[in-house]
């Protein structure tokens, strides 16, 4: 997957994109990352990219003539057809999720635009942006950290990155639930033992236990996810059991 990032601070990506899974993705050719400094597309010798907003108000805005030119120039690179999605990282965008990451992973190329300052001239959206994404209901100094989150989560959905086949399908949120607990050696640590079922070698029992633990953890921490999760009748019975247990504790 080719990912082009337009940013005022390309150096912010140097360490995160060269460590751990992102390093592996680049080394194996799964990630073809290109960083573009928006200032390189400025029209004056001072490399200015922003200006004060019409009508007054605090802060500065990225200029449409600079940013639209930068986006169009970057989109023209490469030979991907149809044109790639051009995604503005903004707190006003649609909320990023596991499903959105899977959606983005279907594209051979993405262009991510990192806004900054007080935002960008509205004409940038009208002329050059095809999608807008937010990673949460809060505001960051710029879109760079959000872009890194999107890149990482999206690449996890590209086959071959995680090593174990289907590993991305076992992540939290992959099937609508949170992952349950995991254990490794030693079998006993400070009086806490690894559940016996995980040491039996009975894969059917282990999978059933893990599914129940995923349901329990989701029930305890993110019940909102259960409203759209695809559950069997047996799993719905387990949720009713959890509810009865909660009621008993409250008595």
C-alpha atoms as a PDB file:
ATOM      1  CA  UNK A   1       0.000   0.000   0.000  1.00  0.00           C
ATOM      2  CA  UNK A   2       1.272   3.446  -0.923  1.00  0.00           C
ATOM      3  CA  UNK A   3       0.500   6.172   1.624  1.00  0.00           C
ATOM      4  CA  UNK A   4       1.282   9.815   0.940  1.00  0.00           C
ATOM      5  CA  UNK A   5       1.224  12.193   3.904  1.00  0.00           C
ATOM      6  CA  UNK A   6       1.084  15.970   3.502  1.00  0.00           C
ATOM      7  CA  UNK A   7       2.379  17.654   6.637  1.00  0.00           C
ATOM      8  CA  UNK A   8       4.176  20.727   7.937  1.00  0.00           C
ATOM      9  CA  UNK A   9       6.278  18.496  10.198  1.00  0.00           C
ATOM     10  CA  UNK A  10       7.536  15.448   8.286  1.00  0.00           C
ATOM     11  CA  UNK A  11      10.206  14.754  10.903  1.00  0.00           C
ATOM     12  CA  UNK A  12       7.470  13.771  13.362  1.00  0.00           C
ATOM     13  CA  UNK A  13       7.027  10.560  11.371  1.00  0.00           C
ATOM     14  CA  UNK A  14      10.662   9.479  11.335  1.00  0.00           C
ATOM     15  CA  UNK A  15      10.821   7.455  14.546  1.00  0.00           C
ATOM     16  CA  UNK A  16       7.255   6.017  14.719  1.00  0.00           C
ATOM     17  CA  UNK A  17       7.350   4.925  11.087  1.00  0.00           C
ATOM     18  CA  UNK A  18      10.730   3.217  11.502  1.00  0.00           C
ATOM     19  CA  UNK A  19       9.996   1.082  14.547  1.00  0.00           C
ATOM     20  CA  UNK A  20       8.119  -2.141  15.316  1.00  0.00           C
ATOM     21  CA  UNK A  21       5.419  -3.162  12.836  1.00  0.00           C
ATOM     22  CA  UNK A  22       5.793  -0.023  10.736  1.00  0.00           C
ATOM     23  CA  UNK A  23       9.468  -0.832  10.143  1.00  0.00           C
ATOM     24  CA  UNK A  24       8.487  -4.391   9.215  1.00  0.00           C
ATOM     25  CA  UNK A  25       5.791  -3.114   6.833  1.00  0.00           C
ATOM     26  CA  UNK A  26       8.320  -0.918   5.044  1.00  0.00           C
ATOM     27  CA  UNK A  27      10.999  -3.615   4.946  1.00  0.00           C
ATOM     28  CA  UNK A  28       8.632  -6.201   3.478  1.00  0.00           C
ATOM     29  CA  UNK A  29       7.162  -3.787   0.947  1.00  0.00           C
ATOM     30  CA  UNK A  30       3.684  -3.709   2.487  1.00  0.00           C
ATOM     31  CA  UNK A  31       4.055   0.020   3.175  1.00  0.00           C
ATOM     32  CA  UNK A  32       5.350   2.500   0.613  1.00  0.00           C
ATOM     33  CA  UNK A  33       5.358   5.707   2.682  1.00  0.00           C
ATOM     34  CA  UNK A  34       5.958   9.142   1.143  1.00  0.00           C
ATOM     35  CA  UNK A  35       6.155  12.283   3.290  1.00  0.00           C
ATOM     36  CA  UNK A  36       5.532  15.657   1.649  1.00  0.00           C
ATOM     37  CA  UNK A  37       6.339  18.966   3.329  1.00  0.00           C
ATOM     38  CA  UNK A  38       3.469  21.354   2.579  1.00  0.00           C
ATOM     39  CA  UNK A  39       5.910  24.251   2.681  1.00  0.00           C
ATOM     40  CA  UNK A  40       7.581  22.895  -0.455  1.00  0.00           C
ATOM     41  CA  UNK A  41       4.448  23.891  -2.362  1.00  0.00           C
ATOM     42  CA  UNK A  42       4.372  27.491  -1.178  1.00  0.00           C
ATOM     43  CA  UNK A  43       4.469  30.247  -3.791  1.00  0.00           C
ATOM     44  CA  UNK A  44       6.862  32.688  -2.123  1.00  0.00           C
ATOM     45  CA  UNK A  45      10.476  32.738  -1.014  1.00  0.00           C
ATOM     46  CA  UNK A  46       9.523  32.658   2.665  1.00  0.00           C
ATOM     47  CA  UNK A  47       7.646  29.359   2.158  1.00  0.00           C
ATOM     48  CA  UNK A  48       4.542  30.826   3.821  1.00  0.00           C
ATOM     49  CA  UNK A  49       1.572  28.467   4.015  1.00  0.00           C
ATOM     50  CA  UNK A  50      -0.890  30.277   6.295  1.00  0.00           C
ATOM     51  CA  UNK A  51      -2.658  33.587   6.735  1.00  0.00           C
ATOM     52  CA  UNK A  52      -5.139  35.342   9.028  1.00  0.00           C
ATOM     53  CA  UNK A  53      -8.831  34.458   8.593  1.00  0.00           C
ATOM     54  CA  UNK A  54     -11.262  36.799   6.858  1.00  0.00           C
ATOM     55  CA  UNK A  55     -13.715  38.252   9.361  1.00  0.00           C
ATOM     56  CA  UNK A  56     -11.197  38.165  12.182  1.00  0.00           C
ATOM     57  CA  UNK A  57     -10.818  35.643  14.965  1.00  0.00           C
ATOM     58  CA  UNK A  58      -7.840  33.971  16.550  1.00  0.00           C
ATOM     59  CA  UNK A  59      -5.300  31.724  14.906  1.00  0.00           C
ATOM     60  CA  UNK A  60      -4.080  31.189  11.386  1.00  0.00           C
ATOM     61  CA  UNK A  61      -5.471  29.115   8.515  1.00  0.00           C
ATOM     62  CA  UNK A  62      -3.673  27.042   5.911  1.00  0.00           C
ATOM     63  CA  UNK A  63      -4.098  28.777   2.561  1.00  0.00           C
ATOM     64  CA  UNK A  64      -6.205  27.128  -0.119  1.00  0.00           C
ATOM     65  CA  UNK A  65      -3.864  28.121  -2.941  1.00  0.00           C
ATOM     66  CA  UNK A  66      -0.964  26.363  -1.207  1.00  0.00           C
ATOM     67  CA  UNK A  67      -2.697  23.281   0.168  1.00  0.00           C
ATOM     68  CA  UNK A  68      -4.891  22.518  -2.849  1.00  0.00           C
ATOM     69  CA  UNK A  69      -1.844  22.824  -5.104  1.00  0.00           C
ATOM     70  CA  UNK A  70       0.092  20.491  -2.788  1.00  0.00           C
ATOM     71  CA  UNK A  71      -2.694  17.894  -2.729  1.00  0.00           C
ATOM     72  CA  UNK A  72      -3.216  17.954  -6.480  1.00  0.00           C
ATOM     73  CA  UNK A  73       0.524  17.647  -7.079  1.00  0.00           C
ATOM     74  CA  UNK A  74       0.820  14.649  -4.760  1.00  0.00           C
ATOM     75  CA  UNK A  75      -2.274  12.904  -6.137  1.00  0.00           C
ATOM     76  CA  UNK A  76      -0.776  13.218  -9.634  1.00  0.00           C
ATOM     77  CA  UNK A  77       2.229  11.146  -8.523  1.00  0.00           C
ATOM     78  CA  UNK A  78       2.160   7.419  -9.153  1.00  0.00           C
ATOM     79  CA  UNK A  79      -0.106   5.517 -11.500  1.00  0.00           C
ATOM     80  CA  UNK A  80      -2.993   4.399  -9.311  1.00  0.00           C
ATOM     81  CA  UNK A  81      -6.414   4.530 -10.942  1.00  0.00           C
ATOM     82  CA  UNK A  82      -8.982   5.537  -9.882  1.00  0.00           C
ATOM     83  CA  UNK A  83      -7.515   8.455  -7.888  1.00  0.00           C
ATOM     84  CA  UNK A  84      -6.816   7.614  -4.228  1.00  0.00           C
ATOM     85  CA  UNK A  85      -8.962   8.817  -1.327  1.00  0.00           C
ATOM     86  CA  UNK A  86      -7.711  12.168  -0.026  1.00  0.00           C
ATOM     87  CA  UNK A  87      -8.365  12.157   3.708  1.00  0.00           C
ATOM     88  CA  UNK A  88      -8.224  15.224   5.924  1.00  0.00           C
ATOM     89  CA  UNK A  89      -7.305  14.470   9.532  1.00  0.00           C
ATOM     90  CA  UNK A  90      -9.713  16.674  11.482  1.00  0.00           C
ATOM     91  CA  UNK A  91     -11.782  16.520  14.698  1.00  0.00           C
ATOM     92  CA  UNK A  92     -14.792  17.280  12.485  1.00  0.00           C
ATOM     93  CA  UNK A  93     -14.441  14.049  10.477  1.00  0.00           C
ATOM     94  CA  UNK A  94     -16.195  10.710  10.792  1.00  0.00           C
ATOM     95  CA  UNK A  95     -15.009   8.719  13.774  1.00  0.00           C
ATOM     96  CA  UNK A  96     -12.196   6.281  13.046  1.00  0.00           C
ATOM     97  CA  UNK A  97     -12.892   2.661  13.967  1.00  0.00           C
ATOM     98  CA  UNK A  98     -11.862  -0.897  13.240  1.00  0.00           C
ATOM     99  CA  UNK A  99     -14.389  -1.043  10.409  1.00  0.00           C
ATOM    100  CA  UNK A 100     -13.024   2.165   8.882  1.00  0.00           C
ATOM    101  CA  UNK A 101      -9.498   0.737   9.059  1.00  0.00           C
ATOM    102  CA  UNK A 102     -10.660  -2.353   7.169  1.00  0.00           C
ATOM    103  CA  UNK A 103     -12.357  -0.132   4.612  1.00  0.00           C
ATOM    104  CA  UNK A 104      -9.201   1.912   4.028  1.00  0.00           C
ATOM    105  CA  UNK A 105      -7.072  -1.231   3.759  1.00  0.00           C
ATOM    106  CA  UNK A 106      -8.936  -2.129   0.552  1.00  0.00           C
ATOM    107  CA  UNK A 107      -7.343   0.797  -1.281  1.00  0.00           C
ATOM    108  CA  UNK A 108      -3.925   0.428  -2.925  1.00  0.00           C
ATOM    109  CA  UNK A 109      -3.126   4.057  -2.093  1.00  0.00           C
ATOM    110  CA  UNK A 110      -4.174   6.694   0.456  1.00  0.00           C
ATOM    111  CA  UNK A 111      -3.372  10.402   0.706  1.00  0.00           C
ATOM    112  CA  UNK A 112      -3.531  11.783   4.269  1.00  0.00           C
ATOM    113  CA  UNK A 113      -3.604  15.537   4.851  1.00  0.00           C
ATOM    114  CA  UNK A 114      -2.457  16.809   8.257  1.00  0.00           C
ATOM    115  CA  UNK A 115      -4.055  20.128   9.046  1.00  0.00           C
ATOM    116  CA  UNK A 116      -2.534  22.516  11.568  1.00  0.00           C
ATOM    117  CA  UNK A 117      -2.983  25.887  13.245  1.00  0.00           C
ATOM    118  CA  UNK A 118      -6.676  26.825  13.410  1.00  0.00           C
ATOM    119  CA  UNK A 119      -7.471  24.628  10.419  1.00  0.00           C
ATOM    120  CA  UNK A 120      -7.618  25.205   6.701  1.00  0.00           C
ATOM    121  CA  UNK A 121      -9.462  27.435   4.252  1.00  0.00           C
ATOM    122  CA  UNK A 122     -12.861  25.812   3.611  1.00  0.00           C
ATOM    123  CA  UNK A 123     -12.152  25.749  -0.119  1.00  0.00           C
ATOM    124  CA  UNK A 124      -9.573  23.009   0.503  1.00  0.00           C
ATOM    125  CA  UNK A 125     -12.441  20.714   1.508  1.00  0.00           C
ATOM    126  CA  UNK A 126     -14.546  21.758  -1.449  1.00  0.00           C
ATOM    127  CA  UNK A 127     -11.817  21.308  -4.053  1.00  0.00           C
ATOM    128  CA  UNK A 128      -9.468  18.565  -2.929  1.00  0.00           C
ATOM    129  CA  UNK A 129     -10.733  16.468   0.016  1.00  0.00           C
ATOM    130  CA  UNK A 130     -12.760  13.281  -0.495  1.00  0.00           C
ATOM    131  CA  UNK A 131     -13.001  12.088   3.135  1.00  0.00           C
ATOM    132  CA  UNK A 132     -12.483  13.417   6.659  1.00  0.00           C
ATOM    133  CA  UNK A 133     -11.492  11.321   9.672  1.00  0.00           C
ATOM    134  CA  UNK A 134     -11.313  12.018  13.397  1.00  0.00           C
ATOM    135  CA  UNK A 135      -9.666   9.653  15.881  1.00  0.00           C
ATOM    136  CA  UNK A 136     -11.750  10.946  18.795  1.00  0.00           C
ATOM    137  CA  UNK A 137     -13.754  13.752  20.298  1.00  0.00           C
ATOM    138  CA  UNK A 138     -10.813  15.921  21.280  1.00  0.00           C
ATOM    139  CA  UNK A 139      -8.451  18.335  19.557  1.00  0.00           C
ATOM    140  CA  UNK A 140      -4.759  17.751  18.820  1.00  0.00           C
ATOM    141  CA  UNK A 141      -2.193  20.370  17.877  1.00  0.00           C
ATOM    142  CA  UNK A 142      -2.069  18.957  14.366  1.00  0.00           C
ATOM    143  CA  UNK A 143      -3.116  15.991  12.273  1.00  0.00           C
ATOM    144  CA  UNK A 144       0.224  14.170  12.381  1.00  0.00           C
ATOM    145  CA  UNK A 145      -0.470  11.955  15.398  1.00  0.00           C
ATOM    146  CA  UNK A 146      -3.914  11.119  14.037  1.00  0.00           C
ATOM    147  CA  UNK A 147      -2.386  10.171  10.674  1.00  0.00           C
ATOM    148  CA  UNK A 148       0.042   7.797  12.406  1.00  0.00           C
ATOM    149  CA  UNK A 149      -2.862   6.117  14.220  1.00  0.00           C
ATOM    150  CA  UNK A 150      -4.730   5.664  10.943  1.00  0.00           C
ATOM    151  CA  UNK A 151      -1.642   4.267   9.186  1.00  0.00           C
ATOM    152  CA  UNK A 152      -0.905   1.778  11.968  1.00  0.00           C
ATOM    153  CA  UNK A 153      -4.477   0.528  12.363  1.00  0.00           C
ATOM    154  CA  UNK A 154      -5.037   0.301   8.616  1.00  0.00           C
ATOM    155  CA  UNK A 155      -1.848  -1.636   7.906  1.00  0.00           C
ATOM    156  CA  UNK A 156      -2.822  -4.224  10.530  1.00  0.00           C
ATOM    157  CA  UNK A 157      -5.662  -5.119   8.180  1.00  0.00           C
ATOM    158  CA  UNK A 158      -3.290  -5.777   5.275  1.00  0.00           C
ATOM    159  CA  UNK A 159      -2.550  -9.492   5.042  1.00  0.00           C
ATOM    160  CA  UNK A 160       0.972 -10.628   5.883  1.00  0.00           C
ATOM    161  CA  UNK A 161       1.981  -7.915   8.330  1.00  0.00           C
ATOM    162  CA  UNK A 162       1.192  -9.626  11.646  1.00  0.00           C
ATOM    163  CA  UNK A 163       2.893 -12.949  10.919  1.00  0.00           C
ATOM    164  CA  UNK A 164       0.285 -15.398  12.229  1.00  0.00           C
ATOM    165  CA  UNK A 165      -2.371 -16.012   9.594  1.00  0.00           C
ATOM    166  CA  UNK A 166      -5.637 -14.316  10.496  1.00  0.00           C
ATOM    167  CA  UNK A 167      -4.114 -12.516  13.493  1.00  0.00           C
ATOM    168  CA  UNK A 168      -5.931  -9.307  12.557  1.00  0.00           C
ATOM    169  CA  UNK A 169      -9.227 -11.197  12.876  1.00  0.00           C
ATOM    170  CA  UNK A 170      -8.535 -11.865  16.557  1.00  0.00           C
ATOM    171  CA  UNK A 171      -7.892  -8.251  17.545  1.00  0.00           C
ATOM    172  CA  UNK A 172     -10.250  -6.395  19.831  1.00  0.00           C
ATOM    173  CA  UNK A 173     -13.166  -5.028  17.778  1.00  0.00           C
ATOM    174  CA  UNK A 174     -12.500  -7.383  14.852  1.00  0.00           C
ATOM    175  CA  UNK A 175     -15.729  -9.297  15.566  1.00  0.00           C
ATOM    176  CA  UNK A 176     -17.416  -6.550  17.536  1.00  0.00           C
ATOM    177  CA  UNK A 177     -16.061  -7.665  20.918  1.00  0.00           C
ATOM    178  CA  UNK A 178     -13.055  -6.876  23.073  1.00  0.00           C
ATOM    179  CA  UNK A 179     -10.382  -9.531  23.386  1.00  0.00           C
ATOM    180  CA  UNK A 180     -10.366 -11.604  26.545  1.00  0.00           C
ATOM    181  CA  UNK A 181      -7.411 -12.204  28.849  1.00  0.00           C
ATOM    182  CA  UNK A 182      -4.124 -13.733  27.639  1.00  0.00           C
ATOM    183  CA  UNK A 183      -1.462 -15.591  29.629  1.00  0.00           C
ATOM    184  CA  UNK A 184       2.110 -16.845  29.208  1.00  0.00           C
ATOM    185  CA  UNK A 185       4.795 -18.327  31.470  1.00  0.00           C
ATOM    186  CA  UNK A 186       5.219 -18.673  34.415  1.00  0.00           C
ATOM    187  CA  UNK A 187       2.104 -20.729  35.198  1.00  0.00           C
ATOM    188  CA  UNK A 188       1.912 -19.189  38.683  1.00  0.00           C
ATOM    189  CA  UNK A 189       2.955 -15.640  39.532  1.00  0.00           C
ATOM    190  CA  UNK A 190       2.443 -14.102  42.986  1.00  0.00           C
ATOM    191  CA  UNK A 191      -0.289 -16.582  43.707  1.00  0.00           C
ATOM    192  CA  UNK A 192      -2.163 -15.968  40.469  1.00  0.00           C
ATOM    193  CA  UNK A 193      -2.482 -19.042  38.252  1.00  0.00           C
ATOM    194  CA  UNK A 194      -2.987 -19.402  34.527  1.00  0.00           C
ATOM    195  CA  UNK A 195      -6.518 -20.830  33.974  1.00  0.00           C
ATOM    196  CA  UNK A 196      -6.321 -24.601  33.784  1.00  0.00           C
ATOM    197  CA  UNK A 197      -8.283 -24.789  30.539  1.00  0.00           C
ATOM    198  CA  UNK A 198      -5.438 -23.012  28.695  1.00  0.00           C
ATOM    199  CA  UNK A 199      -3.036 -25.751  29.741  1.00  0.00           C
ATOM    200  CA  UNK A 200      -5.144 -28.711  28.627  1.00  0.00           C
ATOM    201  CA  UNK A 201      -4.304 -28.622  24.920  1.00  0.00           C
ATOM    202  CA  UNK A 202      -8.009 -29.042  24.116  1.00  0.00           C
ATOM    203  CA  UNK A 203      -8.404 -26.438  21.388  1.00  0.00           C
ATOM    204  CA  UNK A 204     -12.194 -26.594  21.272  1.00  0.00           C
ATOM    205  CA  UNK A 205     -12.448 -25.926  25.006  1.00  0.00           C
ATOM    206  CA  UNK A 206      -9.834 -23.177  24.775  1.00  0.00           C
ATOM    207  CA  UNK A 207     -11.693 -21.395  21.964  1.00  0.00           C
ATOM    208  CA  UNK A 208     -14.977 -21.665  23.881  1.00  0.00           C
ATOM    209  CA  UNK A 209     -13.297 -20.248  27.008  1.00  0.00           C
ATOM    210  CA  UNK A 210     -11.738 -17.381  25.049  1.00  0.00           C
ATOM    211  CA  UNK A 211     -15.060 -16.504  23.466  1.00  0.00           C
ATOM    212  CA  UNK A 212     -16.748 -16.440  26.867  1.00  0.00           C
ATOM    213  CA  UNK A 213     -13.956 -14.246  28.258  1.00  0.00           C
ATOM    214  CA  UNK A 214     -14.316 -11.865  25.315  1.00  0.00           C
ATOM    215  CA  UNK A 215     -18.042 -11.609  25.987  1.00  0.00           C
ATOM    216  CA  UNK A 216     -17.458 -11.068  29.693  1.00  0.00           C
ATOM    217  CA  UNK A 217     -14.842  -8.370  29.165  1.00  0.00           C
ATOM    218  CA  UNK A 218     -17.033  -6.583  26.638  1.00  0.00           C
ATOM    219  CA  UNK A 219     -19.976  -6.815  29.053  1.00  0.00           C
ATOM    220  CA  UNK A 220     -17.878  -5.326  31.838  1.00  0.00           C
ATOM    221  CA  UNK A 221     -16.157  -2.561  29.871  1.00  0.00           C
ATOM    222  CA  UNK A 222     -18.000  -1.739  26.632  1.00  0.00           C
ATOM    223  CA  UNK A 223     -21.612  -2.891  26.733  1.00  0.00           C
ATOM    224  CA  UNK A 224     -22.394  -0.477  23.914  1.00  0.00           C
ATOM    225  CA  UNK A 225     -20.516  -2.789  21.527  1.00  0.00           C
ATOM    226  CA  UNK A 226     -22.869  -5.666  22.274  1.00  0.00           C
ATOM    227  CA  UNK A 227     -25.806  -3.888  20.652  1.00  0.00           C
ATOM    228  CA  UNK A 228     -24.394  -4.527  17.175  1.00  0.00           C
ATOM    229  CA  UNK A 229     -22.310  -7.663  17.783  1.00  0.00           C
ATOM    230  CA  UNK A 230     -23.446 -10.848  16.027  1.00  0.00           C
ATOM    231  CA  UNK A 231     -24.193 -13.287  18.842  1.00  0.00           C
ATOM    232  CA  UNK A 232     -25.469 -16.844  18.949  1.00  0.00           C
ATOM    233  CA  UNK A 233     -28.351 -17.831  21.194  1.00  0.00           C
ATOM    234  CA  UNK A 234     -25.855 -19.487  23.544  1.00  0.00           C
ATOM    235  CA  UNK A 235     -23.886 -16.246  23.754  1.00  0.00           C
ATOM    236  CA  UNK A 236     -27.030 -14.250  24.461  1.00  0.00           C
ATOM    237  CA  UNK A 237     -27.717 -16.707  27.284  1.00  0.00           C
ATOM    238  CA  UNK A 238     -24.241 -15.984  28.664  1.00  0.00           C
ATOM    239  CA  UNK A 239     -24.987 -12.253  28.664  1.00  0.00           C
ATOM    240  CA  UNK A 240     -28.184 -12.928  30.595  1.00  0.00           C
ATOM    241  CA  UNK A 241     -26.085 -14.940  33.055  1.00  0.00           C
ATOM    242  CA  UNK A 242     -23.694 -11.987  33.480  1.00  0.00           C
ATOM    243  CA  UNK A 243     -26.664  -9.713  34.119  1.00  0.00           C
ATOM    244  CA  UNK A 244     -27.996 -12.060  36.820  1.00  0.00           C
ATOM    245  CA  UNK A 245     -24.553 -12.165  38.440  1.00  0.00           C
ATOM    246  CA  UNK A 246     -24.451  -8.367  38.486  1.00  0.00           C
ATOM    247  CA  UNK A 247     -27.898  -8.236  40.052  1.00  0.00           C
ATOM    248  CA  UNK A 248     -26.838 -10.678  42.765  1.00  0.00           C
ATOM    249  CA  UNK A 249     -23.775  -8.582  43.625  1.00  0.00           C
ATOM    250  CA  UNK A 250     -25.920  -5.472  43.988  1.00  0.00           C
ATOM    251  CA  UNK A 251     -28.246  -7.108  46.528  1.00  0.00           C
END
